[in-house]
C-alpha atoms as a PDB file:
ATOM      1  CA  MET A   1      24.908  12.809  17.843  1.00  0.00           C
ATOM      2  CA  ASN A   2      28.526  11.867  18.176  1.00  0.00           C
ATOM      3  CA  ALA A   3      30.501   8.668  17.951  1.00  0.00           C
ATOM      4  CA  ILE A   4      30.088   6.132  20.746  1.00  0.00           C
ATOM      5  CA  THR A   5      27.571   7.742  23.015  1.00  0.00           C
ATOM      6  CA  ASP A   6      25.698   6.858  26.168  1.00  0.00           C
ATOM      7  CA  ILE A   7      22.320   7.143  24.456  1.00  0.00           C
ATOM      8  CA  THR A   8      19.428   5.476  26.268  1.00  0.00           C
ATOM      9  CA  ARG A   9      17.026   3.010  24.688  1.00  0.00           C
ATOM     10  CA  PRO A  10      14.122   5.511  24.746  1.00  0.00           C
ATOM     11  CA  GLN A  11      16.284   8.196  23.113  1.00  0.00           C
ATOM     12  CA  LEU A  12      17.459   5.747  20.449  1.00  0.00           C
ATOM     13  CA  GLN A  13      13.911   4.539  19.792  1.00  0.00           C
ATOM     14  CA  LYS A  14      12.745   8.134  19.392  1.00  0.00           C
ATOM     15  CA  TRP A  15      15.583   8.840  16.957  1.00  0.00           C
ATOM     16  CA  LEU A  16      14.786   5.672  14.953  1.00  0.00           C
ATOM     17  CA  ILE A  17      11.062   6.477  14.850  1.00  0.00           C
ATOM     18  CA  GLN A  18      11.862   9.923  13.505  1.00  0.00           C
ATOM     19  CA  ARG A  19      14.213   8.552  10.826  1.00  0.00           C
ATOM     20  CA  VAL A  20      11.803   5.775   9.759  1.00  0.00           C
ATOM     21  CA  GLY A  21       8.937   8.262   9.776  1.00  0.00           C
ATOM     22  CA  GLU A  22      10.875  10.530   7.410  1.00  0.00           C
ATOM     23  CA  TYR A  23      11.582   7.674   5.004  1.00  0.00           C
ATOM     24  CA  LEU A  24       7.980   6.474   5.043  1.00  0.00           C
ATOM     25  CA  GLU A  25       6.535   9.993   5.061  1.00  0.00           C
ATOM     26  CA  MET A  26       4.619   9.159   8.240  1.00  0.00           C
ATOM     27  CA  SER A  27       4.166  11.088  11.433  1.00  0.00           C
ATOM     28  CA  PRO A  28       6.343   9.589  14.189  1.00  0.00           C
ATOM     29  CA  ASP A  29       3.141   9.518  16.306  1.00  0.00           C
ATOM     30  CA  ASP A  30       1.607   7.061  13.823  1.00  0.00           C
ATOM     31  CA  LEU A  31       4.538   4.605  14.019  1.00  0.00           C
ATOM     32  CA  ASP A  32       4.167   1.632  16.322  1.00  0.00           C
ATOM     33  CA  PRO A  33       7.695   0.652  17.469  1.00  0.00           C
ATOM     34  CA  ASP A  34       6.627  -2.975  17.615  1.00  0.00           C
ATOM     35  CA  SER A  35       5.235  -3.172  14.061  1.00  0.00           C
ATOM     36  CA  PRO A  36       7.437  -4.942  11.509  1.00  0.00           C
ATOM     37  CA  LEU A  37       9.292  -2.344   9.459  1.00  0.00           C
ATOM     38  CA  ALA A  38       8.600  -4.228   6.210  1.00  0.00           C
ATOM     39  CA  GLU A  39       4.845  -4.147   6.922  1.00  0.00           C
ATOM     40  CA  LEU A  40       5.112  -0.401   7.496  1.00  0.00           C
ATOM     41  CA  GLY A  41       6.627  -0.078   4.022  1.00  0.00           C
ATOM     42  CA  LEU A  42      10.346   0.132   4.733  1.00  0.00           C
ATOM     43  CA  ASP A  43      11.973  -1.367   1.672  1.00  0.00           C
ATOM     44  CA  SER A  44      15.567  -2.505   1.084  1.00  0.00           C
ATOM     45  CA  VAL A  45      16.680   0.909  -0.225  1.00  0.00           C
ATOM     46  CA  TYR A  46      15.430   2.703   2.890  1.00  0.00           C
ATOM     47  CA  ALA A  47      16.800  -0.075   5.138  1.00  0.00           C
ATOM     48  CA  LEU A  48      20.277   0.470   3.678  1.00  0.00           C
ATOM     49  CA  ALA A  49      19.896   4.230   4.008  1.00  0.00           C
ATOM     50  CA  LEU A  50      18.908   3.746   7.644  1.00  0.00           C
ATOM     51  CA  CYS A  51      22.068   1.682   8.201  1.00  0.00           C
ATOM     52  CA  GLY A  52      24.072   4.592   6.802  1.00  0.00           C
ATOM     53  CA  ASP A  53      22.291   6.992   9.118  1.00  0.00           C
ATOM     54  CA  VAL A  54      23.105   4.800  12.112  1.00  0.00           C
ATOM     55  CA  GLU A  55      26.754   4.560  11.081  1.00  0.00           C
ATOM     56  CA  ASP A  56      27.030   8.333  10.554  1.00  0.00           C
ATOM     57  CA  ALA A  57      25.184   9.263  13.741  1.00  0.00           C
ATOM     58  CA  PHE A  58      26.917   6.839  16.116  1.00  0.00           C
ATOM     59  CA  GLY A  59      30.314   6.201  14.514  1.00  0.00           C
ATOM     60  CA  ILE A  60      29.852   2.433  14.314  1.00  0.00           C
ATOM     61  CA  THR A  61      29.733  -0.019  11.445  1.00  0.00           C
ATOM     62  CA  VAL A  62      26.570  -2.068  11.163  1.00  0.00           C
ATOM     63  CA  GLU A  63      25.635  -4.966   8.917  1.00  0.00           C
ATOM     64  CA  PRO A  64      23.561  -4.004   5.895  1.00  0.00           C
ATOM     65  CA  THR A  65      20.981  -6.566   7.088  1.00  0.00           C
ATOM     66  CA  LEU A  66      20.470  -4.681  10.361  1.00  0.00           C
ATOM     67  CA  ALA A  67      16.835  -3.759   9.667  1.00  0.00           C
ATOM     68  CA  TRP A  68      15.978  -7.306   8.564  1.00  0.00           C
ATOM     69  CA  ASP A  69      17.802  -8.936  11.472  1.00  0.00           C
ATOM     70  CA  HIS A  70      15.938  -6.617  13.876  1.00  0.00           C
ATOM     71  CA  PRO A  71      12.551  -6.128  12.146  1.00  0.00           C
ATOM     72  CA  THR A  72      10.924  -3.615  14.473  1.00  0.00           C
ATOM     73  CA  VAL A  73      12.068  -0.275  15.899  1.00  0.00           C
ATOM     74  CA  THR A  74      12.134  -1.837  19.352  1.00  0.00           C
ATOM     75  CA  ALA A  75      14.322  -4.737  18.153  1.00  0.00           C
ATOM     76  CA  LEU A  76      16.451  -2.394  16.070  1.00  0.00           C
ATOM     77  CA  ALA A  77      17.154  -0.183  19.071  1.00  0.00           C
ATOM     78  CA  GLY A  78      18.282  -3.244  21.029  1.00  0.00           C
ATOM     79  CA  GLY A  79      20.572  -4.390  18.232  1.00  0.00           C
ATOM     80  CA  ILE A  80      22.133  -0.954  17.853  1.00  0.00           C
ATOM     81  CA  LEU A  81      22.627  -0.605  21.599  1.00  0.00           C
ATOM     82  CA  ASP A  82      24.405  -3.976  21.580  1.00  0.00           C
ATOM     83  CA  ASP A  83      26.662  -2.739  18.774  1.00  0.00           C
ATOM     84  CA  LEU A  84      27.347   0.509  20.648  1.00  0.00           C
ATOM     85  CA  HIS A  85      28.283  -1.342  23.835  1.00  0.00           C
ATOM     86  CA  ARG A  86      30.634  -3.663  21.931  1.00  0.00           C
ATOM     87  CA  ALA A  87      32.254  -0.714  20.164  1.00  0.00           C
ATOM     88  CA  LYS A  88      32.641   1.128  23.458  1.00  0.00           C
ATOM     89  CA  ALA A  89      34.222  -1.924  25.105  1.00  0.00           C
ATOM     90  CA  ASP A  90      36.672  -2.280  22.219  1.00  0.00           C
ATOM     91  CA  ARG A  91      37.982   1.244  22.724  1.00  0.00           C
END
């Protein structure tokens, strides 16, 4: 993906599910986007790595607490989309 993109919520959720699935060594099909990431086993190390992935993939800076502030994939997608829209408006 490239910097500031017009990604849709479903596309972003799919991307997030794939990334979280890789970290947790789970099939994306087994990940419920509304389950708390901590309950799925996402720890602070993986949460920080996920923040780095988001920054690299979308060219935005996110808070290191992103995964804790938005504790599910669904909530995380919404938070990232908000950040993307703000970044796009600032350009």
